[in-house]
């Protein structure tokens, strides 16, 4: 059974920093060693990220220094408890903005929502974002809640798969899915290359979807037709996301892009064959921009042109890597374009795992 995405909403924090400010902040948290500054500049330049939003931005003045604008990282290395306090302060508001936008666009009445799926890997609290959304949006207290937690950048596709299963089990199900990620809470005080790269890529954002098994009532529309997943053998040590004493720590081996790319082509060829499709029949791509090397390596092995991944590059440039929310930002842009036909969404995460989703983008 297909799942229709009746509305998509996205949200980013009001405050953001540009590339030069990000380099200055990275210089501060990596110890302020002037010998490393040129390396930090190169890493940020090659990151593909021009500007990133953060809930931690306290001063929007052009005259303020980056440490004045992000006082949370101005002093000692914040503890995990301090970082989670900021999650509790900010996550629900960003999730609410994205969810309200998705509901508004969908024309689905709030009281019609039967299931609520929340997705997050950057914070924990109970009562959590799901309870806050029930209160702020005015959802029915009997709404059935599910949380997809700590799965990483591909988790929006996991959430959509759960929503599709709900819709298959109950044709009257109307599902609200909300991904909210506050990656800027986990900036690491380290000069370790893996941490420096992670610090240069990640940002804050939220995205939400209202979905059901009912056919689309308006155009443009997005219809989810199939999901797939694979774990790449022998790759578990190449990427991790762990709770540490100073926030959540990411390990990101430089072998990740080529390891993913090597496994991707044969798996996708087989998976698409199950649906009588081939790579050549895919009209548009919503590939999660884990970083520029991931995008470039996957484009090479899949023989994709720069234009086919233009939207992924654009979202990375404009917003950075917002973990699970990012692929929905890309899908939101693609559905407004004039590209008809099948669309393939791809995202990757610790495992190493790859998730795929097949959509139809329907235009008026």
Protein backbone atom coordinates (compact mmCIF):
# COMPACT_ATOMS: atom_id res chain seq x y z
CA UNK A 1 0.00 0.00 0.00
CA UNK A 2 1.25 3.49 -0.86
CA UNK A 3 1.56 6.29 1.67
CA UNK A 4 0.60 9.81 0.56
CA UNK A 5 2.51 12.71 2.07
CA UNK A 6 -0.24 15.33 2.24
CA UNK A 7 1.94 18.06 3.76
CA UNK A 8 5.62 18.71 4.54
CA UNK A 9 6.82 21.39 6.95
CA UNK A 10 10.38 22.46 7.73
CA UNK A 11 11.92 24.74 10.34
CA UNK A 12 15.37 26.07 11.23
CA UNK A 13 16.39 28.23 14.20
CA UNK A 14 16.26 32.01 13.82
CA UNK A 15 19.96 32.27 14.65
CA UNK A 16 22.71 31.04 12.35
CA UNK A 17 26.43 31.42 11.73
CA UNK A 18 28.33 31.64 8.47
CA UNK A 19 31.48 29.80 7.48
CA UNK A 20 33.98 32.33 8.85
CA UNK A 21 32.26 32.37 12.24
CA UNK A 22 32.16 28.57 12.23
CA UNK A 23 35.93 28.49 11.67
CA UNK A 24 36.48 30.90 14.58
CA UNK A 25 34.30 28.74 16.84
CA UNK A 26 36.10 25.59 15.70
CA UNK A 27 39.43 27.27 16.46
CA UNK A 28 38.21 28.03 19.98
CA UNK A 29 36.92 24.52 20.80
CA UNK A 30 39.95 22.79 19.28
CA UNK A 31 42.36 24.63 21.55
CA UNK A 32 43.15 27.83 19.67
CA UNK A 33 46.38 26.48 18.18
CA UNK A 34 47.31 28.93 15.41
CA UNK A 35 49.10 26.12 13.54
CA UNK A 36 45.74 24.39 13.10
CA UNK A 37 43.79 27.42 11.90
CA UNK A 38 44.64 26.93 8.23
CA UNK A 39 43.58 23.27 8.48
CA UNK A 40 40.26 24.29 10.03
CA UNK A 41 39.69 26.80 7.23
CA UNK A 42 40.30 24.13 4.59
CA UNK A 43 37.98 21.63 6.28
CA UNK A 44 35.16 24.17 6.55
CA UNK A 45 35.71 25.39 2.99
CA UNK A 46 35.47 21.82 1.69
CA UNK A 47 32.47 20.98 3.88
CA UNK A 48 30.08 22.51 1.37
CA UNK A 49 28.28 24.29 4.22
CA UNK A 50 27.83 28.05 3.90
CA UNK A 51 25.51 28.72 6.85
CA UNK A 52 24.13 26.69 9.74
CA UNK A 53 21.31 27.31 12.17
CA UNK A 54 21.68 26.80 15.91
CA UNK A 55 19.29 27.20 18.83
CA UNK A 56 22.31 28.36 20.83
CA UNK A 57 22.71 31.66 18.94
CA UNK A 58 22.04 34.35 21.53
CA UNK A 59 23.11 37.52 19.71
CA UNK A 60 22.29 38.33 16.10
CA UNK A 61 24.36 41.53 16.05
CA UNK A 62 26.84 41.77 13.20
CA UNK A 63 29.28 43.46 15.57
CA UNK A 64 29.31 40.62 18.12
CA UNK A 65 32.07 38.02 18.09
CA UNK A 66 31.14 34.39 17.54
CA UNK A 67 31.76 33.58 21.22
CA UNK A 68 29.42 36.42 22.19
CA UNK A 69 26.82 35.01 19.80
CA UNK A 70 27.29 31.44 21.07
CA UNK A 71 28.03 31.95 24.77
CA UNK A 72 27.23 28.31 25.53
CA UNK A 73 30.65 27.40 24.13
CA UNK A 74 32.47 30.47 25.41
CA UNK A 75 33.85 28.92 28.58
CA UNK A 76 34.47 25.40 29.79
CA UNK A 77 33.40 22.32 27.88
CA UNK A 78 29.66 21.86 28.69
CA UNK A 79 28.59 18.61 30.31
CA UNK A 80 26.02 16.28 28.78
CA UNK A 81 23.55 17.44 31.44
CA UNK A 82 24.03 21.07 30.43
CA UNK A 83 23.58 20.19 26.77
CA UNK A 84 20.38 18.26 27.51
CA UNK A 85 19.03 21.27 29.43
CA UNK A 86 19.32 23.21 26.17
CA UNK A 87 17.56 20.39 24.33
CA UNK A 88 14.66 20.62 26.78
CA UNK A 89 14.51 24.40 26.26
CA UNK A 90 14.50 24.41 22.47
CA UNK A 91 13.55 21.10 20.80
CA UNK A 92 9.79 21.26 21.29
CA UNK A 93 9.48 24.76 19.79
CA UNK A 94 11.34 23.85 16.60
CA UNK A 95 9.34 20.62 16.30
CA UNK A 96 6.11 22.58 16.77
CA UNK A 97 6.91 25.07 14.00
CA UNK A 98 7.65 22.29 11.48
CA UNK A 99 4.61 20.22 12.52
CA UNK A 100 2.22 23.16 12.39
CA UNK A 101 3.47 23.99 8.87
CA UNK A 102 2.94 20.40 7.71
CA UNK A 103 -0.58 20.33 9.15
CA UNK A 104 -1.44 23.68 7.59
CA UNK A 105 -0.31 22.60 4.14
CA UNK A 106 -2.03 19.22 4.36
CA UNK A 107 -5.47 20.65 5.13
CA UNK A 108 -5.86 17.73 7.56
CA UNK A 109 -7.73 18.65 10.74
CA UNK A 110 -5.67 18.37 13.90
CA UNK A 111 -8.26 16.09 15.48
CA UNK A 112 -7.90 13.66 12.54
CA UNK A 113 -4.32 12.71 13.52
CA UNK A 114 -4.38 9.15 14.88
CA UNK A 115 -0.62 8.42 15.16
CA UNK A 116 2.36 10.56 16.13
CA UNK A 117 5.91 9.48 15.27
CA UNK A 118 8.82 11.51 16.63
CA UNK A 119 12.38 11.07 15.37
CA UNK A 120 15.53 12.31 17.11
CA UNK A 121 19.10 11.26 17.86
CA UNK A 122 20.41 14.45 19.49
CA UNK A 123 18.46 14.62 22.75
CA UNK A 124 16.38 12.78 25.32
CA UNK A 125 13.77 13.82 27.86
CA UNK A 126 10.56 12.40 29.31
CA UNK A 127 7.93 13.73 29.01
CA UNK A 128 9.37 14.45 25.61
CA UNK A 129 8.78 16.28 22.35
CA UNK A 130 5.84 13.98 21.58
CA UNK A 131 3.92 15.10 24.68
CA UNK A 132 4.80 18.73 23.94
CA UNK A 133 3.40 18.39 20.40
CA UNK A 134 0.15 16.89 21.70
CA UNK A 135 -0.24 19.90 23.98
CA UNK A 136 0.93 22.64 21.60
CA UNK A 137 -0.90 21.37 18.50
CA UNK A 138 -4.04 20.29 20.33
CA UNK A 139 -3.80 16.65 19.21
CA UNK A 140 -6.23 14.11 20.56
CA UNK A 141 -4.87 12.76 23.89
CA UNK A 142 -5.58 9.28 22.51
CA UNK A 143 -3.12 9.72 19.63
CA UNK A 144 -0.85 6.67 19.39
CA UNK A 145 2.79 7.61 19.94
CA UNK A 146 5.97 6.02 18.60
CA UNK A 147 9.54 7.30 18.93
CA UNK A 148 12.36 6.46 16.52
CA UNK A 149 15.44 7.24 18.59
CA UNK A 150 19.19 7.33 18.13
CA UNK A 151 19.25 5.83 14.64
CA UNK A 152 21.11 8.75 13.05
CA UNK A 153 20.82 10.48 9.71
CA UNK A 154 18.63 7.90 7.96
CA UNK A 155 15.95 7.85 10.68
CA UNK A 156 13.37 9.91 8.76
CA UNK A 157 13.12 7.01 6.30
CA UNK A 158 12.67 4.63 9.23
CA UNK A 159 9.89 6.89 10.51
CA UNK A 160 8.19 6.89 7.11
CA UNK A 161 8.38 3.09 7.01
CA UNK A 162 6.64 2.90 10.40
CA UNK A 163 3.97 5.34 9.17
CA UNK A 164 3.41 3.21 6.07
CA UNK A 165 2.95 0.13 8.26
CA UNK A 166 0.36 1.97 10.38
CA UNK A 167 -1.51 2.98 7.22
CA UNK A 168 -1.45 -0.58 5.91
CA UNK A 169 -2.83 -1.88 9.20
CA UNK A 170 -5.57 0.76 9.40
CA UNK A 171 -6.82 2.60 6.32
CA UNK A 172 -8.21 5.33 8.60
CA UNK A 173 -4.81 6.07 10.14
CA UNK A 174 -3.51 9.63 9.69
CA UNK A 175 0.09 9.98 10.80
CA UNK A 176 2.13 13.01 11.86
CA UNK A 177 5.88 12.37 11.67
CA UNK A 178 8.26 14.93 13.16
CA UNK A 179 12.07 14.85 13.01
CA UNK A 180 13.85 17.36 15.24
CA UNK A 181 17.63 17.47 15.59
CA UNK A 182 19.73 19.93 17.60
CA UNK A 183 23.16 18.86 16.40
CA UNK A 184 24.81 22.11 17.54
CA UNK A 185 24.39 20.95 21.15
CA UNK A 186 27.15 18.41 20.58
CA UNK A 187 30.06 20.50 19.34
CA UNK A 188 33.13 18.69 20.63
CA UNK A 189 36.10 20.38 22.28
CA UNK A 190 38.72 18.48 20.32
CA UNK A 191 41.32 18.81 17.60
CA UNK A 192 40.82 15.19 16.56
CA UNK A 193 40.26 15.17 12.77
CA UNK A 194 37.06 13.08 12.97
CA UNK A 195 35.56 15.49 15.51
CA UNK A 196 36.70 18.54 13.54
CA UNK A 197 34.93 17.24 10.42
CA UNK A 198 31.75 16.49 12.39
CA UNK A 199 31.88 19.96 13.96
CA UNK A 200 32.09 21.47 10.47
CA UNK A 201 29.06 19.65 9.04
CA UNK A 202 26.22 19.44 11.52
CA UNK A 203 23.43 21.92 12.26
CA UNK A 204 19.93 22.23 13.76
CA UNK A 205 16.62 21.71 12.00
CA UNK A 206 13.20 20.07 12.10
CA UNK A 207 10.94 18.61 9.44
CA UNK A 208 7.46 17.11 9.66
CA UNK A 209 5.10 15.16 7.43
CA UNK A 210 1.35 14.46 7.53
CA UNK A 211 0.62 11.16 5.80
CA UNK A 212 -2.10 8.59 5.19
CA UNK A 213 -3.13 5.86 2.76
CA UNK A 214 -5.66 8.17 1.10
CA UNK A 215 -4.78 9.33 -2.42
CA UNK A 216 -3.55 12.91 -2.89
CA UNK A 217 -6.25 15.55 -3.14
CA UNK A 218 -4.00 18.23 -4.61
CA UNK A 219 -0.74 18.69 -6.52
CA UNK A 220 2.20 18.70 -6.13
CA UNK A 221 2.11 15.52 -4.09
CA UNK A 222 4.56 12.92 -2.84
CA UNK A 223 3.62 9.23 -2.60
CA UNK A 224 5.82 6.68 -0.82
CA UNK A 225 5.66 3.34 -2.63
CA UNK A 226 8.45 1.18 -1.14
CA UNK A 227 11.17 1.05 1.51
CA UNK A 228 14.41 -0.90 1.78
CA UNK A 229 17.36 -1.27 4.12
CA UNK A 230 20.78 -2.89 4.26
CA UNK A 231 23.66 -3.27 6.71
CA UNK A 232 27.13 -3.24 5.15
CA UNK A 233 29.08 -6.20 6.59
CA UNK A 234 32.29 -5.47 8.46
CA UNK A 235 31.69 -1.72 8.69
CA UNK A 236 30.46 -1.32 12.28
CA UNK A 237 33.63 0.40 13.45
CA UNK A 238 33.60 3.13 10.80
CA UNK A 239 30.89 5.36 12.26
CA UNK A 240 29.51 5.72 15.76
CA UNK A 241 27.28 8.06 17.76
CA UNK A 242 27.76 7.65 21.52
CA UNK A 243 26.70 9.40 24.69
CA UNK A 244 29.78 10.76 26.43
CA UNK A 245 30.42 13.04 29.41
CA UNK A 246 30.60 16.16 27.20
CA UNK A 247 27.68 15.58 24.86
CA UNK A 248 27.22 12.95 22.17
CA UNK A 249 30.44 11.98 20.42
CA UNK A 250 30.68 11.07 16.74
CA UNK A 251 33.30 8.83 15.21
CA UNK A 252 33.55 9.31 11.45
CA UNK A 253 36.22 7.31 9.65
CA UNK A 254 37.56 8.69 6.35
CA UNK A 255 36.80 5.21 4.93
CA UNK A 256 33.02 5.81 5.19
CA UNK A 257 32.44 7.36 1.72
CA UNK A 258 34.20 4.62 -0.23
CA UNK A 259 32.78 1.83 1.94
CA UNK A 260 29.24 3.08 1.35
CA UNK A 261 29.84 3.66 -2.36
CA UNK A 262 31.31 0.18 -2.90
CA UNK A 263 28.24 -1.56 -1.42
CA UNK A 264 25.65 0.81 -2.86
CA UNK A 265 25.48 -0.06 -6.57
CA UNK A 266 24.92 -3.85 -6.34
CA UNK A 267 22.39 -3.46 -3.53
CA UNK A 268 20.38 -0.78 -5.33
CA UNK A 269 20.46 -2.68 -8.62
CA UNK A 270 18.93 -5.70 -6.90
CA UNK A 271 16.43 -3.70 -4.85
CA UNK A 272 15.17 -1.64 -7.78
CA UNK A 273 14.83 -4.81 -9.84
CA UNK A 274 12.17 -5.98 -7.39
CA UNK A 275 10.05 -3.04 -8.59
CA UNK A 276 10.91 -3.44 -12.30
CA UNK A 277 13.05 -0.33 -12.12
CA UNK A 278 16.68 0.49 -12.83
CA UNK A 279 18.99 3.34 -11.85
CA UNK A 280 18.40 4.88 -15.28
CA UNK A 281 14.65 5.05 -14.63
CA UNK A 282 15.03 7.21 -11.51
CA UNK A 283 14.07 10.78 -12.36
CA UNK A 284 15.22 12.54 -9.20
CA UNK A 285 17.34 11.84 -6.15
CA UNK A 286 16.92 12.85 -2.50
CA UNK A 287 20.31 11.74 -1.24
CA UNK A 288 21.21 12.65 2.32
CA UNK A 289 24.28 14.94 2.24
CA UNK A 290 26.26 13.33 5.04
CA UNK A 291 29.15 15.34 3.69
CA UNK A 292 30.66 16.31 0.33
CA UNK A 293 32.76 13.14 0.09
CA UNK A 294 29.68 10.94 0.59
CA UNK A 295 27.80 12.78 -2.15
CA UNK A 296 30.74 12.68 -4.56
CA UNK A 297 31.54 9.00 -3.96
CA UNK A 298 27.91 7.93 -4.38
CA UNK A 299 27.48 10.07 -7.49
CA UNK A 300 30.52 8.44 -9.07
CA UNK A 301 29.49 4.83 -8.40
CA UNK A 302 25.87 5.45 -9.41
CA UNK A 303 26.95 7.48 -12.48
CA UNK A 304 24.87 10.50 -11.49
CA UNK A 305 25.38 13.93 -12.98
CA UNK A 306 25.94 17.00 -10.77
CA UNK A 307 22.44 18.18 -11.71
CA UNK A 308 20.85 15.02 -10.31
CA UNK A 309 22.23 15.77 -6.84
CA UNK A 310 21.89 19.54 -7.09
CA UNK A 311 19.14 19.70 -4.46
CA UNK A 312 21.16 17.66 -1.96
CA UNK A 313 24.16 19.96 -2.48
CA UNK A 314 21.93 23.03 -2.13
CA UNK A 315 20.42 21.92 1.20
CA UNK A 316 23.90 21.10 2.54
CA UNK A 317 25.10 24.56 1.43
CA UNK A 318 22.13 26.43 2.89
CA UNK A 319 21.60 24.54 6.16
CA UNK A 320 24.34 21.97 6.82
CA UNK A 321 23.70 18.38 7.83
CA UNK A 322 20.62 18.39 10.10
CA UNK A 323 20.79 14.63 10.63
CA UNK A 324 17.39 12.92 10.23
CA UNK A 325 15.52 16.08 9.20
CA UNK A 326 17.75 16.73 6.18
CA UNK A 327 16.29 14.26 3.67
CA UNK A 328 12.82 15.76 4.22
CA UNK A 329 14.19 19.24 3.42
CA UNK A 330 15.48 17.78 0.14
CA UNK A 331 12.20 16.01 -0.62
CA UNK A 332 10.30 19.23 0.10
CA UNK A 333 12.35 21.10 -2.51
CA UNK A 334 12.14 18.33 -5.09
CA UNK A 335 8.35 18.13 -5.02
CA UNK A 336 8.15 21.82 -5.95
CA UNK A 337 10.30 21.27 -9.02
CA UNK A 338 9.06 20.11 -12.40
CA UNK A 339 10.72 16.67 -12.22
CA UNK A 340 8.09 13.95 -12.70
CA UNK A 341 8.33 10.22 -12.12
CA UNK A 342 10.13 8.06 -9.56
CA UNK A 343 12.31 9.67 -6.91
CA UNK A 344 14.77 7.72 -4.80
CA UNK A 345 15.67 8.86 -1.29
CA UNK A 346 18.88 7.52 0.25
CA UNK A 347 20.41 8.06 3.67
CA UNK A 348 23.19 6.47 5.68
CA UNK A 349 24.04 6.00 9.35
CA UNK A 350 25.98 4.02 11.95
CA UNK A 351 26.12 0.34 11.20
CA UNK A 352 27.05 1.17 8.46
CA UNK A 353 23.43 1.14 7.36
CA UNK A 354 21.75 2.46 4.25
CA UNK A 355 18.04 3.20 3.92
CA UNK A 356 16.17 3.72 0.67
CA UNK A 357 12.66 4.92 -0.12
CA UNK A 358 10.91 5.03 -3.48
CA UNK A 359 8.58 7.99 -4.06
CA UNK A 360 6.42 9.26 -6.87
CA UNK A 361 6.51 13.02 -7.30
CA UNK A 362 3.19 14.08 -8.78
CA UNK A 363 2.83 17.53 -10.30
CA UNK A 364 -0.14 19.47 -11.57
